[in-house]
Amino acid sequence: MLYKDNEGLKLSAKKVRYIQNGEEIEQFVGSEGTQWWIDFANKWEHTNIIEFVDVVYTAEQLARYEEVKAMDINESVLQEYVENGMAGQGLEVLALKKENEELRQLLADLTETVLLGGA
């Protein structure tokens, strides 16, 4: 799903589905690109490409990617966060930032309620 290139962290745009030694496998296409997979399959007769498919991300996954794309921490941690929203080691600051934003909003709401007379 995520890979790094010269420009930084990227989301894979495609997946490759292939059969290798009789087993069907699906992988994200990273910086190697689709041509690499085609060349690989042509080189090894035990590998046959079924198809390349476009990857469709949810709005939540795209938002999480935007939050972390500039962070320089373990790719597997970033992958887990972007894919499932699970913040692993290295993303503690991000979790604290979100909690802080929620508390600020709650405080603003409470302040408004108090200033308007409690209703």
PDB file of N, CA and C in Angstrom:
ATOM      1  N   MET A   1       0.824  -1.186   0.000  1.00  0.00           N
ATOM      2  CA  MET A   1       0.000   0.000   0.000  1.00  0.00           C
ATOM      3  C   MET A   1       0.868   1.249   0.000  1.00  0.00           C
ATOM      4  N   LEU A   2       1.867   1.299   0.876  1.00  0.00           N
ATOM      5  CA  LEU A   2       2.771   2.441   0.938  1.00  0.00           C
ATOM      6  C   LEU A   2       4.152   2.038   0.439  1.00  0.00           C
ATOM      7  N   TYR A   3       4.813   2.959  -0.207  1.00  0.00           N
ATOM      8  CA  TYR A   3       6.202   2.745  -0.607  1.00  0.00           C
ATOM      9  C   TYR A   3       6.888   4.097  -0.646  1.00  0.00           C
ATOM     10  N   LYS A   4       8.202   4.065  -0.584  1.00  0.00           N
ATOM     11  CA  LYS A   4       8.981   5.296  -0.656  1.00  0.00           C
ATOM     12  C   LYS A   4       9.695   5.357  -1.992  1.00  0.00           C
ATOM     13  N   ASP A   5       9.735   6.557  -2.549  1.00  0.00           N
ATOM     14  CA  ASP A   5      10.551   6.804  -3.724  1.00  0.00           C
ATOM     15  C   ASP A   5      11.371   8.062  -3.460  1.00  0.00           C
ATOM     16  N   ASN A   6      11.972   8.630  -4.492  1.00  0.00           N
ATOM     17  CA  ASN A   6      12.825   9.811  -4.308  1.00  0.00           C
ATOM     18  C   ASN A   6      12.066  11.009  -3.761  1.00  0.00           C
ATOM     19  N   GLU A   7      10.756  11.039  -3.964  1.00  0.00           N
ATOM     20  CA  GLU A   7       9.940  12.163  -3.513  1.00  0.00           C
ATOM     21  C   GLU A   7       9.341  11.948  -2.126  1.00  0.00           C
ATOM     22  N   GLY A   8       9.465  10.744  -1.572  1.00  0.00           N
ATOM     23  CA  GLY A   8       8.917  10.474  -0.251  1.00  0.00           C
ATOM     24  C   GLY A   8       7.928   9.330  -0.259  1.00  0.00           C
ATOM     25  N   LEU A   9       7.027   9.345   0.716  1.00  0.00           N
ATOM     26  CA  LEU A   9       6.053   8.276   0.905  1.00  0.00           C
ATOM     27  C   LEU A   9       4.900   8.409  -0.095  1.00  0.00           C
ATOM     28  N   LYS A  10       4.571   7.308  -0.740  1.00  0.00           N
ATOM     29  CA  LYS A  10       3.510   7.297  -1.756  1.00  0.00           C
ATOM     30  C   LYS A  10       2.512   6.183  -1.473  1.00  0.00           C
ATOM     31  N   LEU A  11       1.301   6.361  -1.983  1.00  0.00           N
ATOM     32  CA  LEU A  11       0.275   5.313  -1.967  1.00  0.00           C
ATOM     33  C   LEU A  11       0.333   4.570  -3.296  1.00  0.00           C
ATOM     34  N   SER A  12       0.287   3.259  -3.236  1.00  0.00           N
ATOM     35  CA  SER A  12       0.253   2.459  -4.460  1.00  0.00           C
ATOM     36  C   SER A  12      -1.039   2.740  -5.216  1.00  0.00           C
ATOM     37  N   ALA A  13      -0.925   2.888  -6.514  1.00  0.00           N
ATOM     38  CA  ALA A  13      -2.097   3.127  -7.348  1.00  0.00           C
ATOM     39  C   ALA A  13      -2.662   1.822  -7.909  1.00  0.00           C
ATOM     40  N   LYS A  14      -1.842   0.772  -7.905  1.00  0.00           N
ATOM     41  CA  LYS A  14      -2.260  -0.501  -8.490  1.00  0.00           C
ATOM     42  C   LYS A  14      -1.831  -1.685  -7.627  1.00  0.00           C
ATOM     43  N   LYS A  15      -2.542  -2.789  -7.840  1.00  0.00           N
ATOM     44  CA  LYS A  15      -2.163  -4.088  -7.295  1.00  0.00           C
ATOM     45  C   LYS A  15      -1.949  -5.020  -8.474  1.00  0.00           C
ATOM     46  N   VAL A  16      -1.094  -6.009  -8.274  1.00  0.00           N
ATOM     47  CA  VAL A  16      -0.906  -7.040  -9.281  1.00  0.00           C
ATOM     48  C   VAL A  16      -1.425  -8.350  -8.698  1.00  0.00           C
ATOM     49  N   ARG A  17      -2.210  -9.069  -9.486  1.00  0.00           N
ATOM     50  CA  ARG A  17      -2.656 -10.417  -9.121  1.00  0.00           C
ATOM     51  C   ARG A  17      -1.943 -11.367 -10.052  1.00  0.00           C
ATOM     52  N   TYR A  18      -1.288 -12.366  -9.464  1.00  0.00           N
ATOM     53  CA  TYR A  18      -0.543 -13.301 -10.283  1.00  0.00           C
ATOM     54  C   TYR A  18      -0.564 -14.690  -9.661  1.00  0.00           C
ATOM     55  N   ILE A  19      -0.207 -15.658 -10.481  1.00  0.00           N
ATOM     56  CA  ILE A  19      -0.077 -17.036 -10.013  1.00  0.00           C
ATOM     57  C   ILE A  19       1.397 -17.394 -10.083  1.00  0.00           C
ATOM     58  N   GLN A  20       1.900 -17.900  -8.961  1.00  0.00           N
ATOM     59  CA  GLN A  20       3.294 -18.316  -8.898  1.00  0.00           C
ATOM     60  C   GLN A  20       3.347 -19.699  -8.272  1.00  0.00           C
ATOM     61  N   ASN A  21       3.890 -20.634  -9.000  1.00  0.00           N
ATOM     62  CA  ASN A  21       3.957 -22.030  -8.537  1.00  0.00           C
ATOM     63  C   ASN A  21       2.588 -22.544  -8.110  1.00  0.00           C
ATOM     64  N   GLY A  22       1.560 -22.184  -8.869  1.00  0.00           N
ATOM     65  CA  GLY A  22       0.212 -22.668  -8.598  1.00  0.00           C
ATOM     66  C   GLY A  22      -0.545 -21.917  -7.522  1.00  0.00           C
ATOM     67  N   GLU A  23       0.076 -20.943  -6.873  1.00  0.00           N
ATOM     68  CA  GLU A  23      -0.573 -20.177  -5.801  1.00  0.00           C
ATOM     69  C   GLU A  23      -0.932 -18.779  -6.311  1.00  0.00           C
ATOM     70  N   GLU A  24      -2.186 -18.351  -6.057  1.00  0.00           N
ATOM     71  CA  GLU A  24      -2.596 -17.004  -6.454  1.00  0.00           C
ATOM     72  C   GLU A  24      -2.156 -16.009  -5.383  1.00  0.00           C
ATOM     73  N   ILE A  25      -1.512 -14.937  -5.823  1.00  0.00           N
ATOM     74  CA  ILE A  25      -0.955 -13.927  -4.922  1.00  0.00           C
ATOM     75  C   ILE A  25      -1.401 -12.549  -5.400  1.00  0.00           C
ATOM     76  N   GLU A  26      -1.623 -11.655  -4.451  1.00  0.00           N
ATOM     77  CA  GLU A  26      -1.959 -10.266  -4.763  1.00  0.00           C
ATOM     78  C   GLU A  26      -1.003  -9.374  -3.988  1.00  0.00           C
ATOM     79  N   GLN A  27      -0.373  -8.419  -4.676  1.00  0.00           N
ATOM     80  CA  GLN A  27       0.566  -7.494  -4.044  1.00  0.00           C
ATOM     81  C   GLN A  27       0.353  -6.090  -4.581  1.00  0.00           C
ATOM     82  N   PHE A  28       0.698  -5.115  -3.757  1.00  0.00           N
ATOM     83  CA  PHE A  28       0.688  -3.739  -4.218  1.00  0.00           C
ATOM     84  C   PHE A  28       1.866  -3.527  -5.152  1.00  0.00           C
ATOM     85  N   VAL A  29       1.659  -2.725  -6.180  1.00  0.00           N
ATOM     86  CA  VAL A  29       2.748  -2.326  -7.063  1.00  0.00           C
ATOM     87  C   VAL A  29       3.342  -1.051  -6.479  1.00  0.00           C
ATOM     88  N   GLY A  30       4.626  -1.082  -6.228  1.00  0.00           N
ATOM     89  CA  GLY A  30       5.305   0.074  -5.652  1.00  0.00           C
ATOM     90  C   GLY A  30       6.090   0.833  -6.701  1.00  0.00           C
ATOM     91  N   SER A  31       7.247   1.319  -6.283  1.00  0.00           N
ATOM     92  CA  SER A  31       8.081   2.130  -7.173  1.00  0.00           C
ATOM     93  C   SER A  31       8.601   1.338  -8.366  1.00  0.00           C
ATOM     94  N   GLU A  32       8.564   0.000  -8.280  1.00  0.00           N
ATOM     95  CA  GLU A  32       9.048  -0.818  -9.399  1.00  0.00           C
ATOM     96  C   GLU A  32       8.171  -0.678 -10.639  1.00  0.00           C
ATOM     97  N   GLY A  33       6.894  -0.389 -10.453  1.00  0.00           N
ATOM     98  CA  GLY A  33       5.980  -0.187 -11.566  1.00  0.00           C
ATOM     99  C   GLY A  33       5.492  -1.474 -12.203  1.00  0.00           C
ATOM    100  N   THR A  34       4.504  -1.334 -13.064  1.00  0.00           N
ATOM    101  CA  THR A  34       3.881  -2.505 -13.687  1.00  0.00           C
ATOM    102  C   THR A  34       4.803  -3.188 -14.698  1.00  0.00           C
ATOM    103  N   GLN A  35       5.615  -2.413 -15.391  1.00  0.00           N
ATOM    104  CA  GLN A  35       6.502  -3.025 -16.397  1.00  0.00           C
ATOM    105  C   GLN A  35       7.467  -4.009 -15.747  1.00  0.00           C
ATOM    106  N   TRP A  36       7.929  -3.704 -14.543  1.00  0.00           N
ATOM    107  CA  TRP A  36       8.816  -4.625 -13.837  1.00  0.00           C
ATOM    108  C   TRP A  36       8.128  -5.965 -13.645  1.00  0.00           C
ATOM    109  N   TRP A  37       6.845  -5.944 -13.266  1.00  0.00           N
ATOM    110  CA  TRP A  37       6.094  -7.177 -13.061  1.00  0.00           C
ATOM    111  C   TRP A  37       5.924  -7.951 -14.362  1.00  0.00           C
ATOM    112  N   ILE A  38       5.663  -7.251 -15.436  1.00  0.00           N
ATOM    113  CA  ILE A  38       5.520  -7.899 -16.743  1.00  0.00           C
ATOM    114  C   ILE A  38       6.837  -8.573 -17.138  1.00  0.00           C
ATOM    115  N   ASP A  39       7.932  -7.836 -16.969  1.00  0.00           N
ATOM    116  CA  ASP A  39       9.250  -8.403 -17.289  1.00  0.00           C
ATOM    117  C   ASP A  39       9.563  -9.604 -16.402  1.00  0.00           C
ATOM    118  N   PHE A  40       9.214  -9.518 -15.130  1.00  0.00           N
ATOM    119  CA  PHE A  40       9.451 -10.606 -14.187  1.00  0.00           C
ATOM    120  C   PHE A  40       8.688 -11.863 -14.619  1.00  0.00           C
ATOM    121  N   ALA A  41       7.415 -11.690 -14.950  1.00  0.00           N
ATOM    122  CA  ALA A  41       6.595 -12.830 -15.364  1.00  0.00           C
ATOM    123  C   ALA A  41       7.118 -13.437 -16.664  1.00  0.00           C
ATOM    124  N   ASN A  42       7.612 -12.604 -17.576  1.00  0.00           N
ATOM    125  CA  ASN A  42       8.172 -13.106 -18.828  1.00  0.00           C
ATOM    126  C   ASN A  42       9.477 -13.876 -18.599  1.00  0.00           C
ATOM    127  N   LYS A  43      10.193 -13.511 -17.573  1.00  0.00           N
ATOM    128  CA  LYS A  43      11.480 -14.143 -17.274  1.00  0.00           C
ATOM    129  C   LYS A  43      11.315 -15.500 -16.586  1.00  0.00           C
ATOM    130  N   TRP A  44      10.268 -15.644 -15.770  1.00  0.00           N
ATOM    131  CA  TRP A  44      10.094 -16.853 -14.970  1.00  0.00           C
ATOM    132  C   TRP A  44       8.795 -17.542 -15.366  1.00  0.00           C
ATOM    133  N   GLU A  45       8.897 -18.718 -15.937  1.00  0.00           N
ATOM    134  CA  GLU A  45       7.725 -19.423 -16.440  1.00  0.00           C
ATOM    135  C   GLU A  45       6.788 -19.896 -15.338  1.00  0.00           C
ATOM    136  N   HIS A  46       7.245 -19.936 -14.093  1.00  0.00           N
ATOM    137  CA  HIS A  46       6.372 -20.339 -12.994  1.00  0.00           C
ATOM    138  C   HIS A  46       5.522 -19.176 -12.467  1.00  0.00           C
ATOM    139  N   THR A  47       5.622 -18.008 -13.116  1.00  0.00           N
ATOM    140  CA  THR A  47       4.866 -16.821 -12.709  1.00  0.00           C
ATOM    141  C   THR A  47       4.019 -16.332 -13.873  1.00  0.00           C
ATOM    142  N   ASN A  48       2.714 -16.199 -13.633  1.00  0.00           N
ATOM    143  CA  ASN A  48       1.789 -15.697 -14.648  1.00  0.00           C
ATOM    144  C   ASN A  48       0.930 -14.587 -14.055  1.00  0.00           C
ATOM    145  N   ILE A  49       0.945 -13.437 -14.691  1.00  0.00           N
ATOM    146  CA  ILE A  49       0.137 -12.311 -14.222  1.00  0.00           C
ATOM    147  C   ILE A  49      -1.305 -12.520 -14.668  1.00  0.00           C
ATOM    148  N   ILE A  50      -2.223 -12.378 -13.707  1.00  0.00           N
ATOM    149  CA  ILE A  50      -3.649 -12.459 -13.995  1.00  0.00           C
ATOM    150  C   ILE A  50      -4.151 -11.094 -14.445  1.00  0.00           C
ATOM    151  N   GLU A  51      -3.838 -10.075 -13.621  1.00  0.00           N
ATOM    152  CA  GLU A  51      -4.304  -8.725 -13.948  1.00  0.00           C
ATOM    153  C   GLU A  51      -3.652  -7.695 -13.034  1.00  0.00           C
ATOM    154  N   PHE A  52      -3.716  -6.462 -13.471  1.00  0.00           N
ATOM    155  CA  PHE A  52      -3.388  -5.307 -12.645  1.00  0.00           C
ATOM    156  C   PHE A  52      -4.709  -4.622 -12.336  1.00  0.00           C
ATOM    157  N   VAL A  53      -4.921  -4.253 -11.080  1.00  0.00           N
ATOM    158  CA  VAL A  53      -6.170  -3.591 -10.695  1.00  0.00           C
ATOM    159  C   VAL A  53      -5.852  -2.270 -10.004  1.00  0.00           C
ATOM    160  N   ASP A  54      -6.714  -1.281 -10.246  1.00  0.00           N
ATOM    161  CA  ASP A  54      -6.567   0.007  -9.574  1.00  0.00           C
ATOM    162  C   ASP A  54      -6.934  -0.148  -8.103  1.00  0.00           C
ATOM    163  N   VAL A  55      -6.188   0.528  -7.250  1.00  0.00           N
ATOM    164  CA  VAL A  55      -6.476   0.514  -5.824  1.00  0.00           C
ATOM    165  C   VAL A  55      -7.394   1.686  -5.515  1.00  0.00           C
ATOM    166  N   VAL A  56      -8.472   1.418  -4.790  1.00  0.00           N
ATOM    167  CA  VAL A  56      -9.412   2.463  -4.378  1.00  0.00           C
ATOM    168  C   VAL A  56      -9.300   2.603  -2.866  1.00  0.00           C
ATOM    169  N   TYR A  57      -8.970   3.796  -2.419  1.00  0.00           N
ATOM    170  CA  TYR A  57      -8.819   4.071  -0.996  1.00  0.00           C
ATOM    171  C   TYR A  57     -10.058   4.788  -0.468  1.00  0.00           C
ATOM    172  N   THR A  58     -10.360   4.564   0.804  1.00  0.00           N
ATOM    173  CA  THR A  58     -11.471   5.270   1.430  1.00  0.00           C
ATOM    174  C   THR A  58     -11.044   6.705   1.743  1.00  0.00           C
ATOM    175  N   ALA A  59     -12.009   7.566   1.991  1.00  0.00           N
ATOM    176  CA  ALA A  59     -11.710   8.946   2.380  1.00  0.00           C
ATOM    177  C   ALA A  59     -10.901   8.964   3.671  1.00  0.00           C
ATOM    178  N   GLU A  60     -11.207   8.047   4.588  1.00  0.00           N
ATOM    179  CA  GLU A  60     -10.489   7.971   5.862  1.00  0.00           C
ATOM    180  C   GLU A  60      -9.038   7.573   5.641  1.00  0.00           C
ATOM    181  N   GLN A  61      -8.797   6.609   4.759  1.00  0.00           N
ATOM    182  CA  GLN A  61      -7.427   6.179   4.475  1.00  0.00           C
ATOM    183  C   GLN A  61      -6.631   7.323   3.838  1.00  0.00           C
ATOM    184  N   LEU A  62      -7.256   8.035   2.925  1.00  0.00           N
ATOM    185  CA  LEU A  62      -6.579   9.164   2.279  1.00  0.00           C
ATOM    186  C   LEU A  62      -6.255  10.265   3.288  1.00  0.00           C
ATOM    187  N   ALA A  63      -7.182  10.528   4.208  1.00  0.00           N
ATOM    188  CA  ALA A  63      -6.942  11.548   5.242  1.00  0.00           C
ATOM    189  C   ALA A  63      -5.800  11.116   6.155  1.00  0.00           C
ATOM    190  N   ARG A  64      -5.778   9.835   6.544  1.00  0.00           N
ATOM    191  CA  ARG A  64      -4.689   9.345   7.407  1.00  0.00           C
ATOM    192  C   ARG A  64      -3.351   9.409   6.669  1.00  0.00           C
ATOM    193  N   TYR A  65      -3.363   9.093   5.382  1.00  0.00           N
ATOM    194  CA  TYR A  65      -2.135   9.197   4.589  1.00  0.00           C
ATOM    195  C   TYR A  65      -1.613  10.641   4.597  1.00  0.00           C
ATOM    196  N   GLU A  66      -2.493  11.599   4.397  1.00  0.00           N
ATOM    197  CA  GLU A  66      -2.088  13.013   4.397  1.00  0.00           C
ATOM    198  C   GLU A  66      -1.467  13.406   5.740  1.00  0.00           C
ATOM    199  N   GLU A  67      -1.983  12.823   6.833  1.00  0.00           N
ATOM    200  CA  GLU A  67      -1.451  13.140   8.160  1.00  0.00           C
ATOM    201  C   GLU A  67      -0.015  12.656   8.342  1.00  0.00           C
ATOM    202  N   VAL A  68       0.323  11.538   7.728  1.00  0.00           N
ATOM    203  CA  VAL A  68       1.607  10.905   8.033  1.00  0.00           C
ATOM    204  C   VAL A  68       2.610  10.889   6.890  1.00  0.00           C
ATOM    205  N   LYS A  69       2.245  11.366   5.709  1.00  0.00           N
ATOM    206  CA  LYS A  69       3.120  11.195   4.552  1.00  0.00           C
ATOM    207  C   LYS A  69       4.482  11.874   4.701  1.00  0.00           C
ATOM    208  N   ALA A  70       4.586  12.862   5.553  1.00  0.00           N
ATOM    209  CA  ALA A  70       5.873  13.536   5.748  1.00  0.00           C
ATOM    210  C   ALA A  70       6.663  12.975   6.934  1.00  0.00           C
ATOM    211  N   MET A  71       6.094  12.022   7.652  1.00  0.00           N
ATOM    212  CA  MET A  71       6.765  11.457   8.825  1.00  0.00           C
ATOM    213  C   MET A  71       7.822  10.441   8.399  1.00  0.00           C
ATOM    214  N   ASP A  72       8.931  10.469   9.106  1.00  0.00           N
ATOM    215  CA  ASP A  72      10.021   9.550   8.811  1.00  0.00           C
ATOM    216  C   ASP A  72      10.094   8.488   9.908  1.00  0.00           C
ATOM    217  N   ILE A  73       9.123   7.572   9.892  1.00  0.00           N
ATOM    218  CA  ILE A  73       9.130   6.459  10.840  1.00  0.00           C
ATOM    219  C   ILE A  73       8.882   5.165  10.066  1.00  0.00           C
ATOM    220  N   ASN A  74       8.930   4.073  10.766  1.00  0.00           N
ATOM    221  CA  ASN A  74       8.820   2.741  10.185  1.00  0.00           C
ATOM    222  C   ASN A  74       7.627   2.636   9.236  1.00  0.00           C
ATOM    223  N   GLU A  75       7.894   2.161   8.019  1.00  0.00           N
ATOM    224  CA  GLU A  75       6.833   2.063   7.005  1.00  0.00           C
ATOM    225  C   GLU A  75       5.711   1.115   7.417  1.00  0.00           C
ATOM    226  N   SER A  76       6.031   0.054   8.124  1.00  0.00           N
ATOM    227  CA  SER A  76       4.975  -0.887   8.525  1.00  0.00           C
ATOM    228  C   SER A  76       4.032  -0.237   9.532  1.00  0.00           C
ATOM    229  N   VAL A  77       4.549   0.640  10.398  1.00  0.00           N
ATOM    230  CA  VAL A  77       3.703   1.375  11.342  1.00  0.00           C
ATOM    231  C   VAL A  77       2.799   2.336  10.578  1.00  0.00           C
ATOM    232  N   LEU A  78       3.374   3.036   9.618  1.00  0.00           N
ATOM    233  CA  LEU A  78       2.582   3.965   8.803  1.00  0.00           C
ATOM    234  C   LEU A  78       1.532   3.216   7.998  1.00  0.00           C
ATOM    235  N   GLN A  79       1.914   2.073   7.452  1.00  0.00           N
ATOM    236  CA  GLN A  79       0.985   1.257   6.666  1.00  0.00           C
ATOM    237  C   GLN A  79      -0.216   0.845   7.512  1.00  0.00           C
ATOM    238  N   GLU A  80       0.048   0.363   8.719  1.00  0.00           N
ATOM    239  CA  GLU A  80      -1.026  -0.085   9.611  1.00  0.00           C
ATOM    240  C   GLU A  80      -1.953   1.079   9.955  1.00  0.00           C
ATOM    241  N   TYR A  81      -1.374   2.256  10.159  1.00  0.00           N
ATOM    242  CA  TYR A  81      -2.182   3.428  10.491  1.00  0.00           C
ATOM    243  C   TYR A  81      -3.046   3.852   9.300  1.00  0.00           C
ATOM    244  N   VAL A  82      -2.438   3.972   8.130  1.00  0.00           N
ATOM    245  CA  VAL A  82      -3.192   4.417   6.953  1.00  0.00           C
ATOM    246  C   VAL A  82      -4.277   3.407   6.611  1.00  0.00           C
ATOM    247  N   GLU A  83      -3.933   2.130   6.668  1.00  0.00           N
ATOM    248  CA  GLU A  83      -4.882   1.092   6.271  1.00  0.00           C
ATOM    249  C   GLU A  83      -6.016   0.918   7.275  1.00  0.00           C
ATOM    250  N   ASN A  84      -5.682   0.845   8.572  1.00  0.00           N
ATOM    251  CA  ASN A  84      -6.681   0.480   9.588  1.00  0.00           C
ATOM    252  C   ASN A  84      -6.906   1.521  10.685  1.00  0.00           C
ATOM    253  N   GLY A  85      -6.119   2.588  10.704  1.00  0.00           N
ATOM    254  CA  GLY A  85      -6.271   3.601  11.740  1.00  0.00           C
ATOM    255  C   GLY A  85      -5.606   3.241  13.054  1.00  0.00           C
ATOM    256  N   MET A  86      -4.785   2.180  13.062  1.00  0.00           N
ATOM    257  CA  MET A  86      -4.120   1.749  14.293  1.00  0.00           C
ATOM    258  C   MET A  86      -2.787   2.472  14.424  1.00  0.00           C
ATOM    259  N   ALA A  87      -2.650   3.263  15.483  1.00  0.00           N
ATOM    260  CA  ALA A  87      -1.433   4.048  15.709  1.00  0.00           C
ATOM    261  C   ALA A  87      -0.435   3.237  16.518  1.00  0.00           C
ATOM    262  N   GLY A  88       0.654   2.852  15.876  1.00  0.00           N
ATOM    263  CA  GLY A  88       1.699   2.078  16.537  1.00  0.00           C
ATOM    264  C   GLY A  88       2.803   2.973  17.060  1.00  0.00           C
ATOM    265  N   GLN A  89       3.887   2.329  17.465  1.00  0.00           N
ATOM    266  CA  GLN A  89       5.026   3.046  18.035  1.00  0.00           C
ATOM    267  C   GLN A  89       5.571   4.048  17.021  1.00  0.00           C
ATOM    268  N   GLY A  90       5.757   5.270  17.466  1.00  0.00           N
ATOM    269  CA  GLY A  90       6.221   6.340  16.604  1.00  0.00           C
ATOM    270  C   GLY A  90       5.112   7.316  16.251  1.00  0.00           C
ATOM    271  N   LEU A  91       3.878   6.892  16.428  1.00  0.00           N
ATOM    272  CA  LEU A  91       2.739   7.763  16.109  1.00  0.00           C
ATOM    273  C   LEU A  91       2.069   8.313  17.368  1.00  0.00           C
ATOM    274  N   GLU A  92       2.751   8.195  18.493  1.00  0.00           N
ATOM    275  CA  GLU A  92       2.174   8.690  19.743  1.00  0.00           C
ATOM    276  C   GLU A  92       1.872  10.184  19.662  1.00  0.00           C
ATOM    277  N   VAL A  93       2.753  10.941  19.003  1.00  0.00           N
ATOM    278  CA  VAL A  93       2.560  12.390  18.872  1.00  0.00           C
ATOM    279  C   VAL A  93       1.284  12.679  18.096  1.00  0.00           C
ATOM    280  N   LEU A  94       1.027  11.890  17.064  1.00  0.00           N
ATOM    281  CA  LEU A  94      -0.184  12.063  16.275  1.00  0.00           C
ATOM    282  C   LEU A  94      -1.426  11.797  17.115  1.00  0.00           C
ATOM    283  N   ALA A  95      -1.388  10.742  17.927  1.00  0.00           N
ATOM    284  CA  ALA A  95      -2.520  10.420  18.799  1.00  0.00           C
ATOM    285  C   ALA A  95      -2.739  11.535  19.815  1.00  0.00           C
ATOM    286  N   LEU A  96      -1.661  12.059  20.379  1.00  0.00           N
ATOM    287  CA  LEU A  96      -1.778  13.158  21.344  1.00  0.00           C
ATOM    288  C   LEU A  96      -2.320  14.423  20.685  1.00  0.00           C
ATOM    289  N   LYS A  97      -1.897  14.686  19.467  1.00  0.00           N
ATOM    290  CA  LYS A  97      -2.381  15.857  18.743  1.00  0.00           C
ATOM    291  C   LYS A  97      -3.889  15.768  18.527  1.00  0.00           C
ATOM    292  N   LYS A  98      -4.369  14.596  18.116  1.00  0.00           N
ATOM    293  CA  LYS A  98      -5.807  14.405  17.903  1.00  0.00           C
ATOM    294  C   LYS A  98      -6.573  14.582  19.214  1.00  0.00           C
ATOM    295  N   GLU A  99      -6.050  13.988  20.288  1.00  0.00           N
ATOM    296  CA  GLU A  99      -6.703  14.107  21.588  1.00  0.00           C
ATOM    297  C   GLU A  99      -6.752  15.570  22.022  1.00  0.00           C
ATOM    298  N   ASN A 100      -5.670  16.298  21.787  1.00  0.00           N
ATOM    299  CA  ASN A 100      -5.594  17.710  22.148  1.00  0.00           C
ATOM    300  C   ASN A 100      -6.640  18.521  21.364  1.00  0.00           C
ATOM    301  N   GLU A 101      -6.795  18.218  20.073  1.00  0.00           N
ATOM    302  CA  GLU A 101      -7.795  18.907  19.252  1.00  0.00           C
ATOM    303  C   GLU A 101      -9.205  18.625  19.755  1.00  0.00           C
ATOM    304  N   GLU A 102      -9.472  17.376  20.147  1.00  0.00           N
ATOM    305  CA  GLU A 102     -10.783  17.018  20.686  1.00  0.00           C
ATOM    306  C   GLU A 102     -11.056  17.760  21.991  1.00  0.00           C
ATOM    307  N   LEU A 103     -10.045  17.851  22.849  1.00  0.00           N
ATOM    308  CA  LEU A 103     -10.205  18.565  24.122  1.00  0.00           C
ATOM    309  C   LEU A 103     -10.424  20.053  23.895  1.00  0.00           C
ATOM    310  N   ARG A 104      -9.738  20.639  22.925  1.00  0.00           N
ATOM    311  CA  ARG A 104      -9.932  22.060  22.606  1.00  0.00           C
ATOM    312  C   ARG A 104     -11.367  22.319  22.135  1.00  0.00           C
ATOM    313  N   GLN A 105     -11.868  21.416  21.308  1.00  0.00           N
ATOM    314  CA  GLN A 105     -13.232  21.583  20.811  1.00  0.00           C
ATOM    315  C   GLN A 105     -14.234  21.450  21.954  1.00  0.00           C
ATOM    316  N   LEU A 106     -14.010  20.492  22.835  1.00  0.00           N
ATOM    317  CA  LEU A 106     -14.886  20.308  23.992  1.00  0.00           C
ATOM    318  C   LEU A 106     -14.857  21.543  24.884  1.00  0.00           C
ATOM    319  N   LEU A 107     -13.675  22.085  25.118  1.00  0.00           N
ATOM    320  CA  LEU A 107     -13.543  23.297  25.931  1.00  0.00           C
ATOM    321  C   LEU A 107     -14.250  24.478  25.268  1.00  0.00           C
ATOM    322  N   ALA A 108     -14.121  24.607  23.957  1.00  0.00           N
ATOM    323  CA  ALA A 108     -14.798  25.692  23.238  1.00  0.00           C
ATOM    324  C   ALA A 108     -16.309  25.542  23.354  1.00  0.00           C
ATOM    325  N   ASP A 109     -16.806  24.304  23.228  1.00  0.00           N
ATOM    326  CA  ASP A 109     -18.242  24.060  23.356  1.00  0.00           C
ATOM    327  C   ASP A 109     -18.734  24.389  24.761  1.00  0.00           C
ATOM    328  N   LEU A 110     -17.976  23.975  25.774  1.00  0.00           N
ATOM    329  CA  LEU A 110     -18.355  24.257  27.166  1.00  0.00           C
ATOM    330  C   LEU A 110     -18.320  25.752  27.456  1.00  0.00           C
ATOM    331  N   THR A 111     -17.319  26.439  26.940  1.00  0.00           N
ATOM    332  CA  THR A 111     -17.211  27.882  27.136  1.00  0.00           C
ATOM    333  C   THR A 111     -18.402  28.593  26.512  1.00  0.00           C
ATOM    334  N   GLU A 112     -18.785  28.178  25.323  1.00  0.00           N
ATOM    335  CA  GLU A 112     -19.922  28.779  24.642  1.00  0.00           C
ATOM    336  C   GLU A 112     -21.205  28.529  25.448  1.00  0.00           C
ATOM    337  N   THR A 113     -21.360  27.320  25.980  1.00  0.00           N
ATOM    338  CA  THR A 113     -22.546  26.997  26.766  1.00  0.00           C
ATOM    339  C   THR A 113     -22.605  27.874  28.023  1.00  0.00           C
ATOM    340  N   VAL A 114     -21.483  28.028  28.706  1.00  0.00           N
ATOM    341  CA  VAL A 114     -21.442  28.849  29.924  1.00  0.00           C
ATOM    342  C   VAL A 114     -21.731  30.311  29.598  1.00  0.00           C
ATOM    343  N   LEU A 115     -21.141  30.824  28.531  1.00  0.00           N
ATOM    344  CA  LEU A 115     -21.341  32.227  28.161  1.00  0.00           C
ATOM    345  C   LEU A 115     -22.771  32.505  27.706  1.00  0.00           C
ATOM    346  N   LEU A 116     -23.447  31.510  27.169  1.00  0.00           N
ATOM    347  CA  LEU A 116     -24.815  31.690  26.714  1.00  0.00           C
ATOM    348  C   LEU A 116     -25.824  31.381  27.790  1.00  0.00           C
ATOM    349  N   GLY A 117     -25.377  31.132  28.982  1.00  0.00           N
ATOM    350  CA  GLY A 117     -26.290  30.943  30.099  1.00  0.00           C
ATOM    351  C   GLY A 117     -26.659  29.504  30.384  1.00  0.00           C
ATOM    352  N   GLY A 118     -25.909  28.530  29.862  1.00  0.00           N
ATOM    353  CA  GLY A 118     -26.099  27.153  30.249  1.00  0.00           C
ATOM    354  C   GLY A 118     -27.091  26.353  29.418  1.00  0.00           C
ATOM    355  N   ALA A 119     -27.681  26.911  28.398  1.00  0.00           N
ATOM    356  CA  ALA A 119     -28.651  26.143  27.607  1.00  0.00           C
ATOM    357  C   ALA A 119     -28.028  25.765  26.359  1.00  0.00           C
TER     358      ALA A 119
END
